[in-house]
PDB file of N, CA and C in Angstrom:
ATOM      1  N   UNK A   1       0.915  -1.070  -0.109  1.00  0.00           N
ATOM      2  CA  UNK A   1       0.275  -0.047   0.105  1.00  0.00           C
ATOM      3  C   UNK A   1       0.683   1.351   0.038  1.00  0.00           C
ATOM      4  N   UNK A   2       0.721   2.331  -0.772  1.00  0.00           N
ATOM      5  CA  UNK A   2       1.592   3.312  -0.875  1.00  0.00           C
ATOM      6  C   UNK A   2       0.668   4.484  -0.473  1.00  0.00           C
ATOM      7  N   UNK A   3       1.485   5.488   0.124  1.00  0.00           N
ATOM      8  CA  UNK A   3       1.449   6.762   0.882  1.00  0.00           C
ATOM      9  C   UNK A   3       1.423   8.036  -0.024  1.00  0.00           C
ATOM     10  N   UNK A   4       0.672   8.829  -0.885  1.00  0.00           N
ATOM     11  CA  UNK A   4       0.763   9.800  -1.526  1.00  0.00           C
ATOM     12  C   UNK A   4       1.128  10.974  -0.448  1.00  0.00           C
ATOM     13  N   UNK A   5       0.947  10.869   0.509  1.00  0.00           N
ATOM     14  CA  UNK A   5       1.068  12.059   1.388  1.00  0.00           C
ATOM     15  C   UNK A   5       2.205  12.927   1.298  1.00  0.00           C
ATOM     16  N   UNK A   6       2.366  14.061   1.325  1.00  0.00           N
ATOM     17  CA  UNK A   6       3.784  15.036   1.253  1.00  0.00           C
ATOM     18  C   UNK A   6       4.121  14.737   2.692  1.00  0.00           C
ATOM     19  N   UNK A   7       5.355  15.049   2.505  1.00  0.00           N
ATOM     20  CA  UNK A   7       6.168  14.841   3.741  1.00  0.00           C
ATOM     21  C   UNK A   7       5.544  15.871   5.029  1.00  0.00           C
ATOM     22  N   UNK A   8       5.472  15.468   6.615  1.00  0.00           N
ATOM     23  CA  UNK A   8       4.976  16.640   6.994  1.00  0.00           C
ATOM     24  C   UNK A   8       6.016  17.508   7.651  1.00  0.00           C
ATOM     25  N   UNK A   9       5.375  18.700   7.523  1.00  0.00           N
ATOM     26  CA  UNK A   9       6.191  19.962   7.963  1.00  0.00           C
ATOM     27  C   UNK A   9       6.054  20.912   9.009  1.00  0.00           C
ATOM     28  N   UNK A  10       6.952  20.826   9.959  1.00  0.00           N
ATOM     29  CA  UNK A  10       6.317  21.954  10.914  1.00  0.00           C
ATOM     30  C   UNK A  10       5.664  23.240  10.360  1.00  0.00           C
ATOM     31  N   UNK A  11       4.568  23.708  11.249  1.00  0.00           N
ATOM     32  CA  UNK A  11       4.076  24.981  10.916  1.00  0.00           C
ATOM     33  C   UNK A  11       5.247  26.119  11.628  1.00  0.00           C
ATOM     34  N   UNK A  12       5.584  27.212  10.894  1.00  0.00           N
ATOM     35  CA  UNK A  12       6.306  28.054  11.367  1.00  0.00           C
ATOM     36  C   UNK A  12       5.701  29.101  12.097  1.00  0.00           C
ATOM     37  N   UNK A  13       6.221  29.999  12.926  1.00  0.00           N
ATOM     38  CA  UNK A  13       5.157  30.652  13.553  1.00  0.00           C
ATOM     39  C   UNK A  13       4.951  31.982  12.677  1.00  0.00           C
ATOM     40  N   UNK A  14       5.521  32.311  11.661  1.00  0.00           N
ATOM     41  CA  UNK A  14       5.183  33.272  10.555  1.00  0.00           C
ATOM     42  C   UNK A  14       4.173  32.453   9.996  1.00  0.00           C
ATOM     43  N   UNK A  15       4.030  31.394   9.426  1.00  0.00           N
ATOM     44  CA  UNK A  15       3.182  31.001   8.704  1.00  0.00           C
ATOM     45  C   UNK A  15       1.853  30.984   9.150  1.00  0.00           C
ATOM     46  N   UNK A  16       1.859  30.538  10.423  1.00  0.00           N
ATOM     47  CA  UNK A  16       0.799  30.694  11.349  1.00  0.00           C
ATOM     48  C   UNK A  16      -0.262  31.822  11.585  1.00  0.00           C
ATOM     49  N   UNK A  17       0.787  33.061  11.798  1.00  0.00           N
ATOM     50  CA  UNK A  17       0.477  34.466  11.356  1.00  0.00           C
ATOM     51  C   UNK A  17      -0.313  34.473  10.256  1.00  0.00           C
ATOM     52  N   UNK A  18       0.470  34.157   8.981  1.00  0.00           N
ATOM     53  CA  UNK A  18      -0.118  34.288   7.898  1.00  0.00           C
ATOM     54  C   UNK A  18      -1.434  33.485   7.458  1.00  0.00           C
ATOM     55  N   UNK A  19      -1.312  32.441   8.000  1.00  0.00           N
ATOM     56  CA  UNK A  19      -2.929  31.667   8.083  1.00  0.00           C
ATOM     57  C   UNK A  19      -3.921  32.744   8.844  1.00  0.00           C
ATOM     58  N   UNK A  20      -3.964  33.059   9.824  1.00  0.00           N
ATOM     59  CA  UNK A  20      -4.802  34.087  10.654  1.00  0.00           C
ATOM     60  C   UNK A  20      -5.174  35.160   9.857  1.00  0.00           C
ATOM     61  N   UNK A  21      -4.078  35.787   9.381  1.00  0.00           N
ATOM     62  CA  UNK A  21      -4.287  37.181   8.446  1.00  0.00           C
ATOM     63  C   UNK A  21      -5.443  36.779   7.290  1.00  0.00           C
ATOM     64  N   UNK A  22      -4.646  35.709   6.529  1.00  0.00           N
ATOM     65  CA  UNK A  22      -5.733  35.718   5.333  1.00  0.00           C
ATOM     66  C   UNK A  22      -6.837  35.378   5.779  1.00  0.00           C
ATOM     67  N   UNK A  23      -7.171  34.165   6.916  1.00  0.00           N
ATOM     68  CA  UNK A  23      -8.417  33.719   6.932  1.00  0.00           C
ATOM     69  C   UNK A  23      -9.318  34.964   7.723  1.00  0.00           C
ATOM     70  N   UNK A  24      -8.991  36.139   8.199  1.00  0.00           N
ATOM     71  CA  UNK A  24      -9.329  37.461   8.402  1.00  0.00           C
ATOM     72  C   UNK A  24      -9.861  38.140   6.955  1.00  0.00           C
ATOM     73  N   UNK A  25      -9.260  37.997   6.009  1.00  0.00           N
ATOM     74  CA  UNK A  25      -9.560  38.542   4.670  1.00  0.00           C
ATOM     75  C   UNK A  25     -10.656  37.944   3.939  1.00  0.00           C
ATOM     76  N   UNK A  26     -10.887  36.560   4.230  1.00  0.00           N
ATOM     77  CA  UNK A  26     -12.046  35.677   4.043  1.00  0.00           C
ATOM     78  C   UNK A  26     -11.647  34.505   3.230  1.00  0.00           C
ATOM     79  N   UNK A  27     -10.537  34.273   2.851  1.00  0.00           N
ATOM     80  CA  UNK A  27     -10.132  33.061   2.134  1.00  0.00           C
ATOM     81  C   UNK A  27     -10.491  31.888   2.624  1.00  0.00           C
ATOM     82  N   UNK A  28     -10.860  31.026   1.777  1.00  0.00           N
ATOM     83  CA  UNK A  28     -11.742  29.540   2.103  1.00  0.00           C
ATOM     84  C   UNK A  28     -10.107  28.804   2.351  1.00  0.00           C
ATOM     85  N   UNK A  29     -10.589  27.485   2.938  1.00  0.00           N
ATOM     86  CA  UNK A  29      -9.553  26.822   3.396  1.00  0.00           C
ATOM     87  C   UNK A  29      -8.947  26.020   2.106  1.00  0.00           C
ATOM     88  N   UNK A  30      -9.315  26.012   1.024  1.00  0.00           N
ATOM     89  CA  UNK A  30      -8.822  25.529  -0.493  1.00  0.00           C
ATOM     90  C   UNK A  30      -7.709  26.852  -0.863  1.00  0.00           C
ATOM     91  N   UNK A  31      -8.189  27.996  -0.861  1.00  0.00           N
ATOM     92  CA  UNK A  31      -7.254  29.049  -1.260  1.00  0.00           C
ATOM     93  C   UNK A  31      -6.145  29.465   0.087  1.00  0.00           C
ATOM     94  N   UNK A  32      -6.403  29.041   1.452  1.00  0.00           N
ATOM     95  CA  UNK A  32      -5.184  29.395   2.072  1.00  0.00           C
ATOM     96  C   UNK A  32      -4.302  28.278   1.854  1.00  0.00           C
ATOM     97  N   UNK A  33      -4.717  26.866   1.516  1.00  0.00           N
ATOM     98  CA  UNK A  33      -3.977  25.725   1.284  1.00  0.00           C
ATOM     99  C   UNK A  33      -2.729  25.968   0.204  1.00  0.00           C
ATOM    100  N   UNK A  34      -3.516  26.779  -0.876  1.00  0.00           N
ATOM    101  CA  UNK A  34      -3.130  26.854  -2.114  1.00  0.00           C
ATOM    102  C   UNK A  34      -1.606  28.229  -1.609  1.00  0.00           C
ATOM    103  N   UNK A  35      -2.254  28.877  -0.954  1.00  0.00           N
ATOM    104  CA  UNK A  35      -1.121  30.375  -0.664  1.00  0.00           C
ATOM    105  C   UNK A  35      -0.115  29.814   0.059  1.00  0.00           C
ATOM    106  N   UNK A  36      -0.560  28.866   1.056  1.00  0.00           N
ATOM    107  CA  UNK A  36       0.358  28.620   2.028  1.00  0.00           C
ATOM    108  C   UNK A  36       1.307  27.209   1.501  1.00  0.00           C
ATOM    109  N   UNK A  37       0.728  26.878   0.535  1.00  0.00           N
ATOM    110  CA  UNK A  37       1.842  25.557   0.015  1.00  0.00           C
ATOM    111  C   UNK A  37       1.535  24.538   1.134  1.00  0.00           C
ATOM    112  N   UNK A  38       0.319  24.172   0.979  1.00  0.00           N
ATOM    113  CA  UNK A  38      -0.196  23.355   2.289  1.00  0.00           C
ATOM    114  C   UNK A  38      -1.114  22.452   1.954  1.00  0.00           C
ATOM    115  N   UNK A  39      -1.895  21.338   2.366  1.00  0.00           N
ATOM    116  CA  UNK A  39      -3.226  20.653   1.936  1.00  0.00           C
ATOM    117  C   UNK A  39      -4.047  21.270   2.732  1.00  0.00           C
ATOM    118  N   UNK A  40      -5.201  21.119   2.044  1.00  0.00           N
ATOM    119  CA  UNK A  40      -6.450  21.722   2.790  1.00  0.00           C
ATOM    120  C   UNK A  40      -6.929  20.997   4.171  1.00  0.00           C
ATOM    121  N   UNK A  41      -6.467  19.829   4.301  1.00  0.00           N
ATOM    122  CA  UNK A  41      -6.469  19.410   5.728  1.00  0.00           C
ATOM    123  C   UNK A  41      -5.600  19.847   6.729  1.00  0.00           C
ATOM    124  N   UNK A  42      -4.410  20.339   6.154  1.00  0.00           N
ATOM    125  CA  UNK A  42      -3.261  20.664   7.104  1.00  0.00           C
ATOM    126  C   UNK A  42      -4.152  22.185   7.338  1.00  0.00           C
ATOM    127  N   UNK A  43      -4.603  22.719   6.484  1.00  0.00           N
ATOM    128  CA  UNK A  43      -4.991  23.973   6.988  1.00  0.00           C
ATOM    129  C   UNK A  43      -6.491  24.067   7.878  1.00  0.00           C
ATOM    130  N   UNK A  44      -7.069  22.437   8.108  1.00  0.00           N
ATOM    131  CA  UNK A  44      -8.285  22.687   8.652  1.00  0.00           C
ATOM    132  C   UNK A  44      -7.869  22.079  10.137  1.00  0.00           C
ATOM    133  N   UNK A  45      -6.867  21.431  10.312  1.00  0.00           N
ATOM    134  CA  UNK A  45      -6.242  21.023  11.536  1.00  0.00           C
ATOM    135  C   UNK A  45      -5.451  21.866  12.406  1.00  0.00           C
ATOM    136  N   UNK A  46      -4.556  23.149  11.454  1.00  0.00           N
ATOM    137  CA  UNK A  46      -4.126  24.016  12.182  1.00  0.00           C
ATOM    138  C   UNK A  46      -5.413  24.978  12.988  1.00  0.00           C
ATOM    139  N   UNK A  47      -6.117  25.101  12.193  1.00  0.00           N
ATOM    140  CA  UNK A  47      -7.482  25.892  12.752  1.00  0.00           C
ATOM    141  C   UNK A  47      -7.861  25.397  13.723  1.00  0.00           C
ATOM    142  N   UNK A  48      -7.989  24.054  14.031  1.00  0.00           N
ATOM    143  CA  UNK A  48      -8.591  23.498  14.839  1.00  0.00           C
ATOM    144  C   UNK A  48      -8.190  23.548  16.145  1.00  0.00           C
ATOM    145  N   UNK A  49      -6.697  23.504  15.813  1.00  0.00           N
ATOM    146  CA  UNK A  49      -5.344  23.309  17.092  1.00  0.00           C
ATOM    147  C   UNK A  49      -5.923  24.825  17.781  1.00  0.00           C
ATOM    148  N   UNK A  50      -6.322  26.155  16.809  1.00  0.00           N
ATOM    149  CA  UNK A  50      -6.213  27.235  17.536  1.00  0.00           C
ATOM    150  C   UNK A  50      -7.572  27.505  18.040  1.00  0.00           C
ATOM    151  N   UNK A  51      -8.529  26.546  17.464  1.00  0.00           N
ATOM    152  CA  UNK A  51      -9.956  26.603  18.643  1.00  0.00           C
ATOM    153  C   UNK A  51     -10.040  25.997  19.714  1.00  0.00           C
ATOM    154  N   UNK A  52      -9.032  24.904  19.811  1.00  0.00           N
ATOM    155  CA  UNK A  52      -8.803  24.134  20.785  1.00  0.00           C
ATOM    156  C   UNK A  52      -7.949  24.969  22.488  1.00  0.00           C
ATOM    157  N   UNK A  53      -6.690  25.963  21.688  1.00  0.00           N
ATOM    158  CA  UNK A  53      -6.282  26.738  22.438  1.00  0.00           C
ATOM    159  C   UNK A  53      -7.002  27.971  22.715  1.00  0.00           C
ATOM    160  N   UNK A  54      -7.672  28.190  22.129  1.00  0.00           N
ATOM    161  CA  UNK A  54      -8.776  29.751  22.389  1.00  0.00           C
ATOM    162  C   UNK A  54      -8.821  30.109  23.952  1.00  0.00           C
ATOM    163  N   UNK A  55      -8.199  30.882  24.641  1.00  0.00           N
ATOM    164  CA  UNK A  55      -8.411  31.368  25.854  1.00  0.00           C
ATOM    165  C   UNK A  55      -7.671  30.705  26.691  1.00  0.00           C
ATOM    166  N   UNK A  56      -6.368  29.366  26.144  1.00  0.00           N
ATOM    167  CA  UNK A  56      -5.200  29.264  27.273  1.00  0.00           C
ATOM    168  C   UNK A  56      -4.253  30.099  27.001  1.00  0.00           C
ATOM    169  N   UNK A  57      -3.573  29.625  27.830  1.00  0.00           N
ATOM    170  CA  UNK A  57      -2.253  30.630  28.285  1.00  0.00           C
ATOM    171  C   UNK A  57      -0.926  29.278  27.930  1.00  0.00           C
ATOM    172  N   UNK A  58       0.261  30.130  27.110  1.00  0.00           N
ATOM    173  CA  UNK A  58       1.233  29.096  27.269  1.00  0.00           C
ATOM    174  C   UNK A  58       1.781  28.802  28.798  1.00  0.00           C
ATOM    175  N   UNK A  59       2.659  27.765  29.282  1.00  0.00           N
ATOM    176  CA  UNK A  59       3.227  27.540  30.302  1.00  0.00           C
ATOM    177  C   UNK A  59       4.336  28.263  29.825  1.00  0.00           C
ATOM    178  N   UNK A  60       5.125  28.307  29.404  1.00  0.00           N
ATOM    179  CA  UNK A  60       6.151  28.740  29.391  1.00  0.00           C
ATOM    180  C   UNK A  60       6.412  30.334  29.132  1.00  0.00           C
ATOM    181  N   UNK A  61       5.818  31.192  28.577  1.00  0.00           N
ATOM    182  CA  UNK A  61       5.889  32.371  27.992  1.00  0.00           C
ATOM    183  C   UNK A  61       4.771  33.204  28.800  1.00  0.00           C
ATOM    184  N   UNK A  62       3.630  32.595  29.736  1.00  0.00           N
ATOM    185  CA  UNK A  62       2.332  32.960  29.767  1.00  0.00           C
ATOM    186  C   UNK A  62       2.011  33.978  29.488  1.00  0.00           C
ATOM    187  N   UNK A  63       2.219  34.085  27.745  1.00  0.00           N
ATOM    188  CA  UNK A  63       1.129  34.546  26.898  1.00  0.00           C
ATOM    189  C   UNK A  63       0.208  33.807  26.367  1.00  0.00           C
ATOM    190  N   UNK A  64      -0.950  34.510  25.758  1.00  0.00           N
ATOM    191  CA  UNK A  64      -2.188  33.795  25.033  1.00  0.00           C
ATOM    192  C   UNK A  64      -1.470  33.155  24.075  1.00  0.00           C
ATOM    193  N   UNK A  65      -2.119  32.132  23.462  1.00  0.00           N
ATOM    194  CA  UNK A  65      -1.993  31.352  22.176  1.00  0.00           C
ATOM    195  C   UNK A  65      -2.770  32.146  21.330  1.00  0.00           C
ATOM    196  N   UNK A  66      -2.238  32.216  20.095  1.00  0.00           N
ATOM    197  CA  UNK A  66      -2.917  32.817  18.737  1.00  0.00           C
ATOM    198  C   UNK A  66      -4.551  32.505  19.191  1.00  0.00           C
ATOM    199  N   UNK A  67      -5.436  33.414  18.663  1.00  0.00           N
ATOM    200  CA  UNK A  67      -6.962  33.186  18.966  1.00  0.00           C
ATOM    201  C   UNK A  67      -7.331  32.917  17.169  1.00  0.00           C
ATOM    202  N   UNK A  68      -8.277  32.077  17.449  1.00  0.00           N
ATOM    203  CA  UNK A  68      -9.146  31.799  16.036  1.00  0.00           C
ATOM    204  C   UNK A  68     -10.138  32.619  15.945  1.00  0.00           C
ATOM    205  N   UNK A  69     -10.727  33.571  15.216  1.00  0.00           N
ATOM    206  CA  UNK A  69     -11.826  34.424  15.346  1.00  0.00           C
ATOM    207  C   UNK A  69     -13.027  33.780  14.320  1.00  0.00           C
ATOM    208  N   UNK A  70     -13.798  33.427  15.198  1.00  0.00           N
ATOM    209  CA  UNK A  70     -14.977  32.625  14.293  1.00  0.00           C
ATOM    210  C   UNK A  70     -16.155  32.375  15.171  1.00  0.00           C
TER     211      UNK A  70
END
C-alpha cells in the first residue's frame, strides 16, 4: 500500500500568523492551502488547534496563544 502524502512539515510562527491574517480576509481553506503550500486538511487541522487553544495561556511564556476568530 502506497502513501501519497507529502512529507509532514512543522508550521512556523510566521506561517501561523499568515494563516490567521488570510483567514481574516475571508479566504477559503482551499485558497489558504494553495497560498501557503499546504493541504486543505493541514489548514483545517491548524485552525482546529487554534480553536482548542482559545483562551489558554502558554506555560512557558505566560502569553495567550493565537486566537481563531469565528
